[in-house]
N, C-alpha and C. Protein backbone atom coordinates (compact mmCIF):
# COMPACT_ATOMS: atom_id res chain seq x y z
N MET A 1 -28.05 -12.99 -48.97
CA MET A 1 -27.36 -12.95 -47.80
C MET A 1 -26.09 -13.76 -48.03
N LYS A 2 -24.93 -13.12 -47.47
CA LYS A 2 -23.59 -13.89 -47.55
C LYS A 2 -23.06 -14.22 -46.30
N LYS A 3 -22.34 -15.31 -46.41
CA LYS A 3 -21.51 -16.00 -45.36
C LYS A 3 -20.15 -15.88 -45.65
N ILE A 4 -19.30 -15.49 -44.48
CA ILE A 4 -17.78 -15.24 -44.88
C ILE A 4 -17.26 -16.69 -44.51
N ILE A 5 -16.43 -17.15 -45.49
CA ILE A 5 -15.90 -18.45 -45.36
C ILE A 5 -14.22 -18.11 -44.88
N THR A 6 -13.86 -18.72 -43.99
CA THR A 6 -12.41 -18.67 -43.50
C THR A 6 -11.92 -19.77 -42.96
N THR A 7 -10.46 -20.02 -42.98
CA THR A 7 -9.98 -21.27 -42.37
C THR A 7 -8.55 -20.76 -42.07
N SER A 8 -7.96 -21.39 -41.06
CA SER A 8 -6.76 -21.10 -40.76
C SER A 8 -5.59 -22.25 -41.62
N ASN A 9 -6.07 -22.91 -42.34
CA ASN A 9 -5.52 -24.00 -43.37
C ASN A 9 -5.08 -23.25 -44.70
N ALA A 10 -5.37 -22.06 -44.76
CA ALA A 10 -5.05 -21.16 -45.82
C ALA A 10 -4.64 -20.02 -45.46
N PRO A 11 -3.72 -19.39 -46.22
CA PRO A 11 -2.94 -17.89 -45.99
C PRO A 11 -4.36 -16.76 -45.30
N ALA A 12 -4.04 -16.12 -44.40
CA ALA A 12 -4.91 -15.16 -44.14
C ALA A 12 -4.82 -14.11 -45.14
N PRO A 13 -5.84 -13.39 -45.37
CA PRO A 13 -5.91 -12.16 -46.28
C PRO A 13 -4.87 -11.12 -45.90
N LEU A 14 -4.49 -10.67 -46.96
CA LEU A 14 -3.46 -9.61 -47.01
C LEU A 14 -3.91 -7.96 -47.04
N GLY A 15 -5.18 -8.16 -46.92
CA GLY A 15 -5.86 -6.84 -46.88
C GLY A 15 -7.35 -6.86 -46.37
N PRO A 16 -8.02 -5.89 -46.61
CA PRO A 16 -9.53 -5.88 -46.45
C PRO A 16 -10.32 -6.56 -47.18
N TYR A 17 -10.20 -8.18 -47.12
CA TYR A 17 -11.30 -9.03 -48.03
C TYR A 17 -11.04 -10.28 -47.20
N ASN A 18 -11.73 -11.20 -47.59
CA ASN A 18 -11.95 -12.66 -46.83
C ASN A 18 -11.60 -13.64 -47.95
N GLN A 19 -11.28 -14.74 -47.48
CA GLN A 19 -11.01 -15.99 -48.24
C GLN A 19 -11.80 -16.20 -49.27
N ALA A 20 -13.11 -16.36 -48.79
CA ALA A 20 -14.26 -16.43 -49.68
C ALA A 20 -15.77 -16.07 -48.91
N VAL A 21 -16.65 -15.93 -50.08
CA VAL A 21 -17.79 -15.48 -49.47
C VAL A 21 -18.92 -16.48 -50.22
N LEU A 22 -19.77 -16.83 -49.48
CA LEU A 22 -20.84 -17.92 -50.00
C LEU A 22 -21.95 -17.12 -50.01
N SER A 23 -22.60 -16.91 -51.27
CA SER A 23 -23.88 -16.31 -51.51
C SER A 23 -24.91 -17.37 -52.06
N GLY A 24 -25.89 -17.74 -51.01
CA GLY A 24 -26.68 -18.81 -51.45
C GLY A 24 -25.84 -20.01 -51.64
N ASP A 25 -25.94 -20.68 -52.71
CA ASP A 25 -25.04 -21.78 -52.89
C ASP A 25 -23.85 -21.52 -53.85
N THR A 26 -23.62 -20.29 -53.87
CA THR A 26 -22.44 -19.98 -54.72
C THR A 26 -21.42 -19.58 -54.02
N LEU A 27 -19.97 -20.07 -54.09
CA LEU A 27 -18.92 -19.64 -53.38
C LEU A 27 -17.98 -18.84 -54.27
N TYR A 28 -17.79 -17.46 -53.69
CA TYR A 28 -16.77 -16.76 -54.65
C TYR A 28 -15.42 -16.60 -53.87
N THR A 29 -14.24 -17.15 -54.32
CA THR A 29 -13.00 -17.18 -53.65
C THR A 29 -12.34 -15.79 -53.93
N SER A 30 -11.42 -15.38 -53.07
CA SER A 30 -10.49 -14.50 -53.47
C SER A 30 -9.30 -15.48 -53.96
N GLY A 31 -8.43 -14.46 -54.60
CA GLY A 31 -7.20 -15.21 -55.36
C GLY A 31 -6.31 -15.86 -54.34
N GLN A 32 -5.68 -16.79 -54.57
CA GLN A 32 -4.85 -17.49 -53.54
C GLN A 32 -3.42 -17.42 -54.32
N ILE A 33 -2.41 -17.37 -53.46
CA ILE A 33 -1.09 -17.09 -54.02
C ILE A 33 -0.28 -18.16 -53.27
N ALA A 34 0.99 -18.29 -53.54
CA ALA A 34 1.71 -19.44 -52.79
C ALA A 34 2.39 -19.21 -51.64
N ILE A 35 1.32 -18.81 -50.67
CA ILE A 35 1.94 -18.70 -49.15
C ILE A 35 1.55 -19.94 -48.35
N ASN A 36 2.64 -20.61 -47.65
CA ASN A 36 2.47 -21.53 -46.82
C ASN A 36 1.71 -20.99 -45.62
N PRO A 37 0.51 -21.56 -45.37
CA PRO A 37 -0.22 -21.12 -44.29
C PRO A 37 0.37 -21.36 -42.98
N GLU A 38 1.24 -22.42 -42.77
CA GLU A 38 1.89 -22.82 -41.48
C GLU A 38 2.65 -22.00 -41.08
N ASN A 39 3.68 -21.39 -41.98
CA ASN A 39 4.62 -20.56 -41.67
C ASN A 39 4.74 -18.98 -42.14
N GLY A 40 3.83 -18.78 -43.28
CA GLY A 40 3.70 -17.60 -43.81
C GLY A 40 4.66 -17.39 -44.92
N ALA A 41 5.58 -18.17 -45.08
CA ALA A 41 6.59 -18.12 -46.10
C ALA A 41 6.14 -18.63 -47.57
N LEU A 42 6.61 -17.50 -48.49
CA LEU A 42 6.24 -17.85 -49.93
C LEU A 42 6.96 -19.09 -50.48
N VAL A 43 6.17 -19.77 -51.25
CA VAL A 43 6.64 -21.24 -51.68
C VAL A 43 6.97 -20.73 -53.38
N ILE A 44 8.22 -20.34 -53.77
CA ILE A 44 8.53 -19.80 -54.94
C ILE A 44 9.78 -20.56 -55.75
N GLU A 45 10.19 -21.44 -55.07
CA GLU A 45 11.32 -22.12 -55.54
C GLU A 45 11.28 -22.55 -56.94
N ASN A 46 10.08 -22.77 -57.68
CA ASN A 46 9.79 -23.17 -59.02
C ASN A 46 8.62 -22.92 -59.04
N ILE A 47 8.18 -22.92 -60.55
CA ILE A 47 6.59 -22.46 -60.87
C ILE A 47 5.87 -23.57 -60.60
N GLN A 48 6.26 -25.06 -60.47
CA GLN A 48 5.38 -26.18 -60.28
C GLN A 48 5.13 -26.13 -58.66
N ALA A 49 6.09 -25.87 -58.00
CA ALA A 49 5.72 -25.89 -56.56
C ALA A 49 5.01 -24.74 -56.00
N GLU A 50 5.24 -23.61 -56.70
CA GLU A 50 4.28 -22.36 -56.39
C GLU A 50 2.80 -22.74 -56.74
N THR A 51 2.84 -23.18 -57.87
CA THR A 51 1.13 -23.64 -58.42
C THR A 51 0.63 -24.59 -57.48
N LYS A 52 1.41 -25.72 -57.18
CA LYS A 52 0.88 -26.77 -56.24
C LYS A 52 0.50 -25.79 -54.98
N GLN A 53 1.21 -25.14 -54.36
CA GLN A 53 0.72 -24.46 -53.08
C GLN A 53 -0.60 -23.54 -53.27
N VAL A 54 -0.41 -23.02 -54.33
CA VAL A 54 -1.80 -22.12 -54.65
C VAL A 54 -2.94 -23.18 -54.64
N MET A 55 -2.95 -24.34 -55.36
CA MET A 55 -3.93 -25.16 -55.58
C MET A 55 -4.36 -25.92 -53.97
N GLU A 56 -3.26 -26.06 -53.36
CA GLU A 56 -3.48 -26.71 -51.93
C GLU A 56 -4.31 -25.45 -51.12
N ASN A 57 -3.86 -24.32 -51.33
CA ASN A 57 -4.51 -23.38 -50.36
C ASN A 57 -5.97 -23.11 -50.90
N MET A 58 -6.13 -23.20 -52.29
CA MET A 58 -7.56 -23.18 -52.70
C MET A 58 -8.46 -24.23 -52.22
N GLN A 59 -7.86 -25.33 -52.09
CA GLN A 59 -8.37 -26.52 -51.80
C GLN A 59 -8.97 -26.36 -50.26
N GLN A 60 -8.36 -25.91 -49.59
CA GLN A 60 -8.45 -25.40 -48.01
C GLN A 60 -9.68 -24.68 -47.92
N VAL A 61 -9.90 -23.72 -48.88
CA VAL A 61 -10.92 -22.99 -48.88
C VAL A 61 -12.12 -23.51 -49.26
N LEU A 62 -12.02 -24.25 -50.37
CA LEU A 62 -13.15 -25.05 -50.79
C LEU A 62 -13.64 -26.05 -49.73
N LEU A 63 -12.77 -26.74 -48.99
CA LEU A 63 -13.16 -27.48 -47.91
C LEU A 63 -13.89 -26.80 -46.82
N ALA A 64 -13.32 -25.46 -46.44
CA ALA A 64 -14.00 -24.84 -45.23
C ALA A 64 -15.43 -24.42 -45.74
N ALA A 65 -15.85 -24.66 -47.14
CA ALA A 65 -17.41 -24.14 -47.63
C ALA A 65 -18.01 -25.68 -47.68
N GLU A 66 -17.31 -26.64 -47.28
CA GLU A 66 -17.94 -27.97 -47.63
C GLU A 66 -17.98 -28.21 -49.15
N MET A 67 -17.05 -27.85 -49.80
CA MET A 67 -16.88 -28.20 -51.37
C MET A 67 -15.66 -28.83 -51.51
N THR A 68 -15.40 -29.11 -52.97
CA THR A 68 -14.47 -29.71 -53.35
C THR A 68 -14.06 -29.13 -54.71
N PHE A 69 -12.99 -29.44 -55.44
CA PHE A 69 -12.81 -29.13 -56.75
C PHE A 69 -13.88 -29.53 -57.94
N GLU A 70 -14.73 -30.46 -57.46
CA GLU A 70 -15.86 -30.78 -58.26
C GLU A 70 -16.80 -29.86 -58.28
N ASN A 71 -16.89 -28.85 -57.23
CA ASN A 71 -17.88 -27.98 -57.26
C ASN A 71 -17.38 -26.51 -58.01
N VAL A 72 -16.40 -26.40 -58.53
CA VAL A 72 -15.72 -25.49 -59.24
C VAL A 72 -16.26 -25.26 -60.64
N ILE A 73 -16.94 -24.14 -60.83
CA ILE A 73 -17.54 -24.10 -62.36
C ILE A 73 -16.51 -22.82 -63.03
N LYS A 74 -15.98 -22.18 -62.39
CA LYS A 74 -14.93 -20.94 -63.10
C LYS A 74 -13.78 -20.69 -62.27
N SER A 75 -12.56 -20.96 -63.13
CA SER A 75 -11.22 -20.61 -62.37
C SER A 75 -10.84 -19.32 -63.30
N SER A 76 -10.24 -18.54 -62.68
CA SER A 76 -9.49 -17.38 -63.14
C SER A 76 -7.75 -17.58 -62.84
N ILE A 77 -6.85 -17.63 -63.81
CA ILE A 77 -5.60 -17.82 -63.42
C ILE A 77 -4.77 -16.51 -63.93
N PHE A 78 -4.24 -16.04 -63.06
CA PHE A 78 -3.34 -14.74 -63.43
C PHE A 78 -1.84 -15.17 -63.22
N ILE A 79 -1.01 -15.01 -64.42
CA ILE A 79 0.26 -15.16 -64.43
C ILE A 79 1.33 -13.88 -64.83
N SER A 80 2.35 -14.38 -64.36
CA SER A 80 3.44 -13.05 -64.52
C SER A 80 4.29 -13.15 -65.84
N ASP A 81 4.12 -14.64 -66.20
CA ASP A 81 4.94 -14.82 -67.64
C ASP A 81 4.06 -15.89 -68.29
N MET A 82 3.76 -15.85 -69.40
CA MET A 82 3.14 -16.56 -70.23
C MET A 82 3.88 -18.06 -70.61
N HIS A 83 5.13 -17.65 -70.47
CA HIS A 83 6.15 -18.64 -70.75
C HIS A 83 5.90 -19.89 -69.76
N ASN A 84 5.39 -19.77 -68.43
CA ASN A 84 5.24 -20.52 -67.49
C ASN A 84 3.69 -21.29 -67.63
N PHE A 85 3.01 -21.02 -68.77
CA PHE A 85 1.63 -21.50 -68.96
C PHE A 85 1.63 -23.14 -68.87
N SER A 86 2.32 -23.74 -69.75
CA SER A 86 2.19 -25.23 -69.83
C SER A 86 2.63 -25.80 -68.15
N GLU A 87 3.71 -25.47 -67.54
CA GLU A 87 3.89 -25.85 -66.35
C GLU A 87 2.87 -25.67 -65.40
N ILE A 88 2.17 -24.46 -65.22
CA ILE A 88 1.13 -24.32 -64.59
C ILE A 88 -0.08 -24.89 -64.77
N ASN A 89 -0.32 -25.30 -66.10
CA ASN A 89 -1.57 -25.82 -66.42
C ASN A 89 -1.29 -27.48 -66.11
N GLU A 90 -0.11 -28.13 -66.07
CA GLU A 90 0.09 -29.38 -65.94
C GLU A 90 -0.26 -29.58 -64.34
N VAL A 91 0.01 -28.61 -63.43
CA VAL A 91 -0.08 -28.75 -62.01
C VAL A 91 -1.51 -28.73 -61.68
N TYR A 92 -2.05 -27.47 -62.21
CA TYR A 92 -3.61 -27.25 -62.09
C TYR A 92 -4.35 -28.37 -62.63
N GLY A 93 -3.97 -28.99 -63.80
CA GLY A 93 -4.90 -30.03 -64.15
C GLY A 93 -4.96 -31.27 -63.15
N ARG A 94 -4.08 -31.52 -62.53
CA ARG A 94 -4.03 -32.54 -61.79
C ARG A 94 -5.11 -32.60 -60.64
N TYR A 95 -5.74 -31.46 -60.40
CA TYR A 95 -6.96 -31.08 -59.43
C TYR A 95 -8.27 -31.47 -59.92
N PHE A 96 -8.48 -31.63 -61.21
CA PHE A 96 -9.81 -31.92 -62.03
C PHE A 96 -9.71 -33.02 -62.93
N LYS A 97 -10.81 -33.39 -63.00
CA LYS A 97 -11.05 -34.50 -64.05
C LYS A 97 -11.43 -33.59 -65.43
N ASP A 98 -10.94 -34.07 -66.52
CA ASP A 98 -11.14 -33.36 -67.76
C ASP A 98 -12.44 -33.25 -68.19
N GLU A 99 -13.37 -34.38 -67.87
CA GLU A 99 -14.62 -34.25 -68.51
C GLU A 99 -15.47 -33.50 -67.40
N THR A 100 -15.22 -32.98 -66.36
CA THR A 100 -15.86 -31.87 -65.35
C THR A 100 -15.12 -30.71 -65.05
N ALA A 101 -14.00 -30.35 -65.57
CA ALA A 101 -13.41 -29.35 -65.22
C ALA A 101 -13.99 -27.99 -65.66
N PRO A 102 -13.75 -27.12 -64.93
CA PRO A 102 -14.42 -25.68 -65.03
C PRO A 102 -14.07 -24.87 -66.16
N ALA A 103 -15.13 -23.70 -66.40
CA ALA A 103 -14.52 -23.00 -67.49
C ALA A 103 -13.38 -22.04 -66.86
N ARG A 104 -12.54 -21.44 -67.95
CA ARG A 104 -11.30 -20.86 -67.28
C ARG A 104 -10.82 -19.68 -67.90
N GLU A 105 -10.15 -18.67 -67.59
CA GLU A 105 -9.20 -17.89 -68.45
C GLU A 105 -7.93 -18.06 -67.95
N THR A 106 -7.03 -17.82 -68.56
CA THR A 106 -5.50 -17.49 -67.96
C THR A 106 -4.98 -16.10 -68.64
N VAL A 107 -4.66 -15.22 -67.78
CA VAL A 107 -4.28 -13.97 -68.22
C VAL A 107 -2.84 -13.67 -67.75
N GLU A 108 -1.99 -13.03 -68.59
CA GLU A 108 -0.78 -12.51 -67.99
C GLU A 108 -0.84 -11.07 -67.53
N VAL A 109 -0.37 -10.80 -66.37
CA VAL A 109 -0.45 -9.61 -65.80
C VAL A 109 1.06 -9.04 -65.41
N ALA A 110 1.23 -7.96 -65.19
CA ALA A 110 2.44 -7.16 -65.14
C ALA A 110 2.85 -7.61 -63.69
N ASN A 111 2.30 -7.62 -62.72
CA ASN A 111 2.50 -7.77 -61.34
C ASN A 111 1.36 -8.49 -60.59
N LEU A 112 1.94 -9.41 -59.43
CA LEU A 112 0.84 -10.02 -58.62
C LEU A 112 1.04 -9.46 -57.22
N PRO A 113 0.34 -9.83 -56.13
CA PRO A 113 0.76 -9.49 -54.84
C PRO A 113 1.99 -10.32 -54.26
N LYS A 114 2.88 -9.57 -53.66
CA LYS A 114 4.13 -9.93 -53.25
C LYS A 114 5.22 -10.49 -54.29
N PHE A 115 4.72 -10.09 -55.54
CA PHE A 115 5.59 -10.36 -56.78
C PHE A 115 5.63 -11.61 -57.12
N VAL A 116 4.65 -12.57 -56.78
CA VAL A 116 4.50 -13.88 -56.91
C VAL A 116 4.18 -14.00 -58.37
N ASN A 117 4.29 -15.47 -58.95
CA ASN A 117 4.30 -15.69 -60.54
C ASN A 117 2.90 -16.15 -60.98
N VAL A 118 2.06 -16.54 -59.67
CA VAL A 118 0.70 -17.11 -60.31
C VAL A 118 -0.26 -16.89 -59.03
N GLU A 119 -1.40 -16.35 -59.36
CA GLU A 119 -2.54 -16.32 -58.46
C GLU A 119 -3.79 -16.92 -59.13
N ILE A 120 -4.61 -17.60 -58.51
CA ILE A 120 -5.66 -18.28 -58.88
C ILE A 120 -7.22 -18.02 -58.10
N SER A 121 -8.00 -17.58 -58.78
CA SER A 121 -9.31 -17.38 -57.85
C SER A 121 -10.38 -18.38 -58.63
N MET A 122 -11.51 -18.63 -57.79
CA MET A 122 -12.55 -19.75 -58.11
C MET A 122 -13.96 -19.51 -58.05
N ILE A 123 -14.89 -19.66 -58.72
CA ILE A 123 -16.41 -19.68 -58.34
C ILE A 123 -16.66 -21.09 -58.30
N ALA A 124 -17.37 -21.61 -57.20
CA ALA A 124 -17.78 -22.89 -57.12
C ALA A 124 -19.42 -22.74 -56.52
N VAL A 125 -20.30 -23.96 -57.03
CA VAL A 125 -21.60 -24.06 -56.53
C VAL A 125 -21.84 -25.35 -55.83
N LYS A 126 -22.51 -25.40 -55.08
CA LYS A 126 -22.92 -26.60 -54.18
C LYS A 126 -24.11 -27.24 -55.11
């Protein structure tokens, strides 16, 4: 059985999907991009601010499922330019402890929704 997780503290979906789905004790999040949920504006002035907004959005989705970044077991990071990897990684790393960080892949892609520079999805377990 699945439970749909939604919060107004993260951007509303841009299509026919939900912010996250909880199945048993496992949470599957949809990808988050840097949309400010308060005004719907993209936060893209620089890659660090963009990544921070993505992570803040993801934090709100996790909180809506009564979880934190400590519950995350897998992250997927999609970026439009691998040259931004170190700056994205630096901001992303602020949200995890090195000793309990999740498994992860980072993939460069041709385009992302709204032509942003970074999108992140996660899997978490209670």
